[in-house]
Protein backbone atom coordinates (compact mmCIF):
# COMPACT_ATOMS: atom_id res chain seq x y z
CA MET A 1 70.94 -23.25 -91.13
CA ASP A 2 71.25 -25.06 -87.78
CA LYS A 3 70.23 -23.71 -84.36
CA ARG A 4 73.73 -22.50 -83.50
CA GLN A 5 73.99 -20.58 -86.78
CA GLN A 6 70.57 -19.01 -86.18
CA GLN A 7 71.74 -17.82 -82.76
CA GLN A 8 74.93 -16.40 -84.24
CA MET A 9 72.95 -14.58 -86.91
CA SER A 10 71.00 -12.76 -84.21
CA SER A 11 74.09 -11.96 -82.15
CA LYS A 12 75.13 -8.32 -82.03
CA THR A 13 78.52 -9.01 -80.47
CA ALA A 14 81.54 -8.48 -82.72
CA LEU A 15 85.24 -9.06 -82.35
CA VAL A 16 87.26 -6.49 -84.31
CA LEU A 17 90.84 -7.46 -85.10
CA GLY A 18 92.83 -4.36 -85.98
CA ALA A 19 90.65 -2.00 -83.95
CA SER A 20 93.65 0.20 -83.19
CA GLY A 21 94.16 0.81 -86.91
CA GLY A 22 92.34 3.05 -89.34
CA VAL A 23 89.84 0.67 -90.94
CA GLY A 24 89.29 -1.54 -87.90
CA GLY A 25 88.94 1.44 -85.61
CA GLU A 26 86.28 3.05 -87.78
CA VAL A 27 84.33 -0.20 -88.15
CA ALA A 28 84.48 -0.69 -84.37
CA ARG A 29 83.11 2.82 -83.77
CA GLN A 30 80.31 2.37 -86.29
CA LEU A 31 79.36 -1.01 -84.81
CA ARG A 32 79.32 0.54 -81.33
CA ASP A 33 77.15 3.43 -82.50
CA ALA A 34 74.75 0.95 -84.11
CA GLY A 35 74.21 -0.78 -80.76
CA TRP A 36 76.65 -3.68 -81.08
CA THR A 37 78.79 -5.02 -78.25
CA VAL A 38 82.35 -4.64 -79.53
CA ARG A 39 85.48 -6.49 -78.44
CA ALA A 40 89.04 -5.86 -79.59
CA LEU A 41 92.46 -7.37 -79.03
CA GLN A 42 95.50 -5.36 -77.99
CA ARG A 43 98.99 -6.65 -77.38
CA GLY A 44 100.71 -5.46 -74.22
CA LEU A 45 97.52 -4.33 -72.50
CA GLU A 46 98.38 -3.77 -68.84
CA GLN A 47 95.11 -5.33 -67.69
CA PRO A 48 93.51 -8.52 -69.05
CA GLN A 49 90.44 -6.46 -69.93
CA LEU A 50 89.77 -2.74 -70.31
CA GLN A 51 86.72 -0.70 -71.24
CA ARG A 52 87.52 2.24 -73.49
CA ASP A 53 85.35 4.29 -75.85
CA GLY A 54 82.53 1.79 -75.67
CA THR A 55 84.77 -1.14 -76.65
CA THR A 56 85.97 -4.02 -74.49
CA TRP A 57 89.72 -4.35 -75.06
CA LEU A 58 91.17 -7.77 -74.32
CA ARG A 59 94.84 -8.54 -73.93
CA GLY A 60 95.81 -10.72 -76.88
CA ASP A 61 97.50 -11.03 -80.23
CA ALA A 62 95.98 -11.77 -83.64
CA MET A 63 99.01 -14.00 -84.29
CA ASN A 64 97.98 -16.23 -81.36
CA ALA A 65 95.21 -18.65 -82.31
CA ALA A 66 94.19 -19.27 -78.70
CA ASP A 67 93.81 -15.53 -78.03
CA VAL A 68 91.58 -15.07 -81.07
CA LEU A 69 89.43 -18.10 -80.26
CA SER A 70 88.98 -16.99 -76.65
CA ALA A 71 87.97 -13.47 -77.66
CA ALA A 72 85.55 -14.77 -80.31
CA GLN A 73 83.41 -16.80 -77.91
CA GLY A 74 79.78 -15.71 -78.27
CA CYS A 75 80.52 -13.40 -81.21
CA GLY A 76 78.33 -13.40 -84.29
CA VAL A 77 80.91 -11.47 -86.33
CA ILE A 78 84.69 -11.28 -86.53
CA VAL A 79 85.91 -8.22 -88.43
CA HIS A 80 89.32 -9.07 -89.85
CA ALA A 81 90.84 -5.61 -90.37
CA VAL A 82 94.33 -6.32 -89.07
CA ASN A 83 97.32 -5.63 -91.34
CA PRO A 84 101.03 -5.11 -90.69
CA PRO A 85 101.67 -1.34 -90.59
CA GLY A 86 103.34 0.48 -93.45
CA TYR A 87 102.91 -2.37 -95.97
CA LEU A 88 105.71 -4.25 -94.16
CA ARG A 89 106.02 -7.98 -93.30
CA TRP A 90 102.94 -8.99 -95.30
CA ALA A 91 104.41 -12.31 -96.45
CA GLU A 92 105.28 -13.21 -92.86
CA LEU A 93 102.17 -12.11 -90.97
CA VAL A 94 99.08 -11.67 -93.12
CA LEU A 95 98.08 -15.26 -93.84
CA PRO A 96 98.81 -16.68 -90.36
CA MET A 97 96.60 -13.99 -88.82
CA LEU A 98 93.81 -14.80 -91.26
CA ASP A 99 94.11 -18.52 -90.51
CA ASN A 100 93.57 -17.77 -86.81
CA THR A 101 90.43 -15.79 -87.65
CA ILE A 102 89.12 -18.57 -89.87
CA ALA A 103 89.72 -21.20 -87.19
CA ALA A 104 87.89 -19.11 -84.58
CA ALA A 105 84.97 -18.35 -86.91
CA LYS A 106 84.53 -22.02 -87.77
CA ALA A 107 84.63 -22.95 -84.09
CA VAL A 108 81.98 -20.45 -82.99
CA GLY A 109 79.95 -20.21 -86.23
CA ALA A 110 80.71 -16.53 -86.79
CA THR A 111 80.64 -14.43 -89.95
CA ILE A 112 84.04 -13.10 -91.03
CA ALA A 113 83.91 -9.55 -92.39
CA LEU A 114 86.95 -8.54 -94.46
CA PRO A 115 87.55 -4.99 -95.73
CA GLY A 116 88.96 -5.81 -99.19
CA THR A 117 91.12 -3.83 -101.59
CA VAL A 118 91.81 -3.55 -105.33
CA TYR A 119 95.23 -5.17 -104.92
CA ASN A 120 93.64 -8.42 -106.14
CA PHE A 121 93.31 -7.01 -109.62
CA GLY A 122 95.94 -6.72 -112.32
CA PRO A 123 96.02 -4.50 -115.41
CA ASP A 124 93.58 -6.76 -117.29
CA ALA A 125 90.82 -6.14 -114.74
CA LEU A 126 91.61 -2.42 -114.57
CA ALA A 127 91.11 -2.21 -118.34
CA GLN A 128 87.37 -2.80 -117.81
CA PRO A 129 85.19 0.34 -117.52
CA LEU A 130 83.86 -0.98 -114.21
CA ILE A 131 85.52 -3.60 -111.99
CA GLY A 132 82.90 -6.08 -110.85
CA GLU A 133 83.06 -8.41 -107.86
CA ASP A 134 83.76 -11.40 -110.13
CA ALA A 135 86.44 -9.76 -112.29
CA PRO A 136 89.52 -11.93 -112.94
CA GLN A 137 92.12 -11.76 -110.19
CA ARG A 138 95.54 -11.82 -111.80
CA PRO A 139 97.63 -9.47 -109.64
CA VAL A 140 101.13 -8.35 -110.59
CA THR A 141 102.41 -7.63 -107.07
CA ARG A 142 103.30 -9.68 -104.00
CA LYS A 143 100.65 -7.98 -101.89
CA GLY A 144 98.07 -8.62 -104.59
CA ALA A 145 98.91 -12.33 -104.63
CA ILE A 146 98.50 -12.44 -100.86
CA ARG A 147 95.11 -10.74 -101.12
CA VAL A 148 93.97 -13.30 -103.69
CA GLU A 149 95.09 -16.12 -101.40
CA MET A 150 93.24 -14.52 -98.48
CA GLU A 151 89.99 -14.56 -100.42
CA ARG A 152 90.63 -18.13 -101.62
CA ARG A 153 91.03 -19.32 -98.03
CA LEU A 154 87.93 -17.43 -96.96
CA GLN A 155 85.87 -18.96 -99.75
CA GLN A 156 87.06 -22.40 -98.71
CA ALA A 157 86.17 -21.64 -95.07
CA SER A 158 82.65 -20.63 -96.13
CA GLY A 159 82.06 -24.25 -97.04
CA GLU A 160 83.41 -25.47 -93.70
CA GLY A 161 81.18 -23.74 -91.17
CA ALA A 162 82.21 -20.10 -91.41
CA ARG A 163 80.35 -17.37 -93.24
CA VAL A 164 82.18 -14.63 -95.12
CA LEU A 165 81.48 -11.05 -96.18
CA ILE A 166 84.08 -9.22 -98.25
CA LEU A 167 83.56 -5.52 -98.92
CA ARG A 168 86.17 -4.25 -101.36
CA ALA A 169 86.91 -0.56 -101.79
CA GLY A 170 89.39 1.82 -103.37
CA ASP A 171 91.97 3.85 -101.45
CA PHE A 172 90.83 5.03 -98.03
CA PHE A 173 90.75 8.55 -96.67
CA GLY A 174 89.18 9.92 -93.52
CA PRO A 175 89.92 11.66 -90.22
CA ARG A 176 91.39 8.52 -88.59
CA ALA A 177 92.23 6.38 -91.61
CA GLY A 178 95.75 5.38 -90.53
CA ASN A 179 98.22 4.54 -93.29
CA ASN A 180 96.77 5.69 -96.61
CA TRP A 181 97.75 7.46 -99.81
CA PHE A 182 95.88 10.66 -98.95
CA ALA A 183 97.76 11.20 -95.68
CA GLN A 184 101.10 9.73 -96.74
CA GLY A 185 101.35 11.00 -100.30
CA MET A 186 98.98 13.88 -101.06
CA VAL A 187 99.22 16.15 -97.99
CA LYS A 188 101.48 16.46 -94.96
CA PRO A 189 99.70 15.65 -91.68
CA GLY A 190 100.02 18.27 -88.96
CA LYS A 191 100.84 21.07 -91.39
CA PRO A 192 98.72 23.60 -93.28
CA VAL A 193 98.13 22.53 -96.86
CA SER A 194 100.28 24.56 -99.26
CA SER A 195 100.31 22.00 -102.07
CA VAL A 196 98.60 18.73 -102.97
CA ALA A 197 100.54 15.91 -104.64
CA LEU A 198 98.50 13.94 -107.19
CA PRO A 199 99.50 10.25 -107.50
CA SER A 200 97.55 9.52 -110.70
CA ALA A 201 99.06 9.85 -114.14
CA PRO A 202 97.49 12.81 -116.03
CA GLY A 203 93.84 12.14 -116.80
CA VAL A 204 93.75 8.73 -115.08
CA GLY A 205 90.74 8.19 -112.80
CA HIS A 206 90.85 6.58 -109.37
CA GLN A 207 88.44 5.19 -106.79
CA TRP A 208 88.44 6.61 -103.26
CA ALA A 209 86.53 5.45 -100.19
CA TYR A 210 85.66 7.80 -97.35
CA LEU A 211 86.27 5.50 -94.42
CA PRO A 212 83.26 6.44 -92.24
CA ASP A 213 80.97 5.74 -95.20
CA LEU A 214 82.66 2.40 -95.89
CA ALA A 215 82.37 1.36 -92.25
CA ARG A 216 78.69 2.33 -92.10
CA ALA A 217 78.07 0.29 -95.24
CA MET A 218 79.75 -2.75 -93.71
CA VAL A 219 77.67 -2.43 -90.54
CA ALA A 220 74.49 -2.13 -92.63
CA VAL A 221 75.31 -5.31 -94.55
CA LEU A 222 76.24 -7.19 -91.37
CA ALA A 223 72.88 -6.29 -89.87
CA ARG A 224 71.29 -8.25 -92.75
CA ARG A 225 73.89 -11.01 -93.01
CA ALA A 226 71.24 -13.71 -92.62
CA GLU A 227 70.03 -12.78 -96.12
CA LEU A 228 73.45 -13.43 -97.68
CA PRO A 229 74.94 -16.62 -99.05
CA ALA A 230 77.75 -18.21 -97.04
CA PHE A 231 80.30 -16.36 -99.21
CA ALA A 232 79.38 -12.84 -100.30
CA ARG A 233 81.40 -10.11 -102.01
CA PHE A 234 80.44 -6.50 -102.64
CA HIS A 235 82.19 -3.48 -104.10
CA PHE A 236 81.88 -0.11 -102.40
CA GLU A 237 81.84 2.66 -105.00
CA GLY A 238 82.68 5.63 -102.79
CA HIS A 239 84.02 8.65 -104.68
CA TRP A 240 85.08 8.34 -108.31
CA ASP A 241 87.88 10.76 -109.21
CA LYS A 242 87.35 10.81 -112.97
CA ASP A 243 90.65 12.44 -113.97
CA GLY A 244 92.89 12.09 -110.91
CA LYS A 245 92.34 15.73 -109.94
CA GLN A 246 88.91 15.72 -108.30
CA LEU A 247 90.14 14.93 -104.78
CA GLY A 248 92.93 17.49 -105.04
CA GLN A 249 90.53 20.13 -106.28
CA ALA A 250 88.23 19.37 -103.34
CA VAL A 251 91.19 20.04 -101.02
CA GLN A 252 91.74 23.35 -102.83
CA ARG A 253 88.12 24.40 -102.38
CA VAL A 254 87.96 23.41 -98.72
CA VAL A 255 91.23 25.09 -97.75
CA SER A 256 90.45 28.26 -99.72
CA ARG A 257 86.97 28.61 -98.24
CA ARG A 258 88.16 27.94 -94.71
CA SER A 259 91.22 30.20 -94.85
CA GLY A 260 89.87 32.87 -97.14
CA GLY A 261 93.21 32.82 -98.95
CA ALA A 262 94.72 31.31 -102.05
CA ALA A 263 94.05 27.69 -102.86
CA PRO A 264 96.90 25.18 -102.48
CA LYS A 265 98.75 24.26 -105.64
CA LEU A 266 98.28 20.93 -107.37
CA ALA A 267 101.44 19.08 -108.40
CA ALA A 268 102.31 15.61 -109.63
CA LEU A 269 103.53 13.18 -106.98
CA PRO A 270 107.32 12.85 -107.43
CA TRP A 271 107.39 9.13 -108.17
CA TRP A 272 110.98 9.46 -109.39
CA LEU A 273 112.05 10.69 -105.95
CA MET A 274 110.20 7.84 -104.24
CA LYS A 275 112.01 5.39 -106.52
CA LEU A 276 115.39 6.87 -105.61
CA ALA A 277 114.61 6.69 -101.90
CA SER A 278 112.92 3.28 -101.93
CA PRO A 279 116.13 1.23 -101.37
CA PHE A 280 116.56 3.10 -98.08
CA VAL A 281 112.91 3.49 -96.98
CA PRO A 282 111.01 0.17 -96.98
CA THR A 283 107.57 1.81 -96.92
CA LEU A 284 108.37 3.81 -100.07
CA ARG A 285 109.54 0.63 -101.77
CA GLU A 286 106.23 -1.05 -100.98
CA MET A 287 104.28 1.99 -102.17
CA GLN A 288 106.28 2.05 -105.40
CA GLU A 289 105.14 -1.52 -106.12
CA MET A 290 101.53 -0.30 -106.30
CA ARG A 291 102.20 2.39 -108.89
CA TYR A 292 100.38 0.46 -111.62
CA LEU A 293 97.11 1.31 -109.83
CA TRP A 294 97.76 4.98 -110.61
CA ARG A 295 98.62 4.43 -114.27
CA GLN A 296 95.26 2.92 -115.24
CA PRO A 297 91.75 3.94 -114.22
CA VAL A 298 90.48 2.05 -111.17
CA ARG A 299 86.69 2.22 -110.95
CA MET A 300 84.59 -0.09 -108.78
CA ASP A 301 81.13 -1.30 -109.80
CA GLY A 302 78.96 -0.67 -106.74
CA ARG A 303 75.61 -1.72 -108.21
CA ARG A 304 75.41 -5.03 -106.31
CA LEU A 305 75.83 -3.25 -102.97
CA ALA A 306 73.33 -0.55 -103.91
CA ALA A 307 70.79 -3.18 -104.94
CA PHE A 308 71.20 -5.00 -101.62
CA LEU A 309 71.16 -1.98 -99.30
CA GLY A 310 68.92 0.32 -101.31
CA GLU A 311 70.93 3.33 -100.14
CA VAL A 312 74.70 3.28 -99.71
CA PRO A 313 76.24 5.77 -97.23
CA HIS A 314 77.79 8.63 -99.19
CA THR A 315 79.17 11.83 -97.66
CA PRO A 316 79.58 14.74 -100.13
CA LEU A 317 83.21 15.00 -101.23
CA ASP A 318 83.98 18.49 -99.88
CA GLN A 319 82.49 17.61 -96.50
CA ALA A 320 84.48 14.35 -96.36
CA VAL A 321 87.70 16.17 -97.30
CA ALA A 322 87.12 18.88 -94.69
CA VAL A 323 86.62 16.33 -91.90
CA THR A 324 89.69 14.42 -93.08
CA LEU A 325 91.92 17.50 -93.12
CA GLU A 326 90.71 18.46 -89.64
CA GLY A 327 91.49 14.97 -88.39
CA LEU A 328 94.98 15.12 -89.90
CA GLY A 329 95.72 18.45 -88.20
CA CYS A 330 95.96 20.23 -91.56
CA LEU A 331 92.91 22.40 -91.02
CA ALA A 332 91.45 23.99 -87.92
CA ALA A 333 87.90 23.02 -87.08
CA PRO A 334 85.39 25.78 -87.87
CA ALA A 335 84.70 28.12 -85.00
CA GLN A 336 81.50 27.33 -83.15
CA PRO A 337 78.99 30.18 -83.01
CA VAL A 338 78.96 31.86 -79.62
CA THR A 339 75.56 31.89 -77.97
CA THR A 340 74.70 34.36 -75.25
CA ALA A 341 72.08 33.53 -72.68
CA ALA A 342 69.23 36.01 -72.51
CA VAL A 343 69.40 38.30 -69.46
CA SER A 344 66.27 39.86 -68.07
CA PRO A 345 66.58 43.57 -67.41
CA SER A 346 66.77 44.39 -63.74
CA CYS A 347 63.97 46.39 -62.22
């Protein structure tokens, strides 16, 4: 490791691409809370630079290589958490944005941190009891193929001056998780929960990641990135829903306890209706493509991460669900106890 790389390893300045989104935003907050200096890019920013919520926002676009390189100067880490919203325009935007990140990381000697997904894996990998970091990547979808290519380019870059950390996880949920299956398929944001739609086929398990836990895990690994090889991959275990009902049942418990009333009903997600509507709603069409992930168990092997960190952040499921529902506007925050100041009796 040369002198420049040693300096970058000690740097606690990070550029977060996608900081206005769910994953990037949470990673930016966790980095900030851990004492990092955080930068972010935002298109259309009225000022060239703006301080907000402990983050320095710079006017720029992840699709512009010069903007990314300028923002990355002096950064030890570039968090690449930028994705086109609603699953749309992946083929057009995803790889060019990644190429800009790679070029900047190589130029400044930074570590690229990528929040990964299970899209890389096809049915053959899902057939394993646990999906390891080195499981075969034979995806059956367009987005999966793009994810595989992203990791291929990152691995190549790790031999050309960049360093890479990939932290893969299951489906996200959390109070500010952005586009995700929990908020878009299981409950209706902004409304009280009367029913919960379950995407999994009956009895099929699924892996979920509570986003604040995932972000804290990424920050913990980045703090020790000097101990990693140039290309490192980990799986984040999160919450294992063994039969596809555990998350829904947690919603039932939380809502029932908080409201004191009947628990919401559990019902199967109407995939047939999504299929009918998909020709007219592009996001539904893209979601329909990922249905195979709900027809086979998807369980991540998190032992490598646990061995490295010793303790992986893990919020109890009911607590994570309660915070998520509050953040989605589906559940009122619990009333704070009223405290009354002591008053001395008058003489």
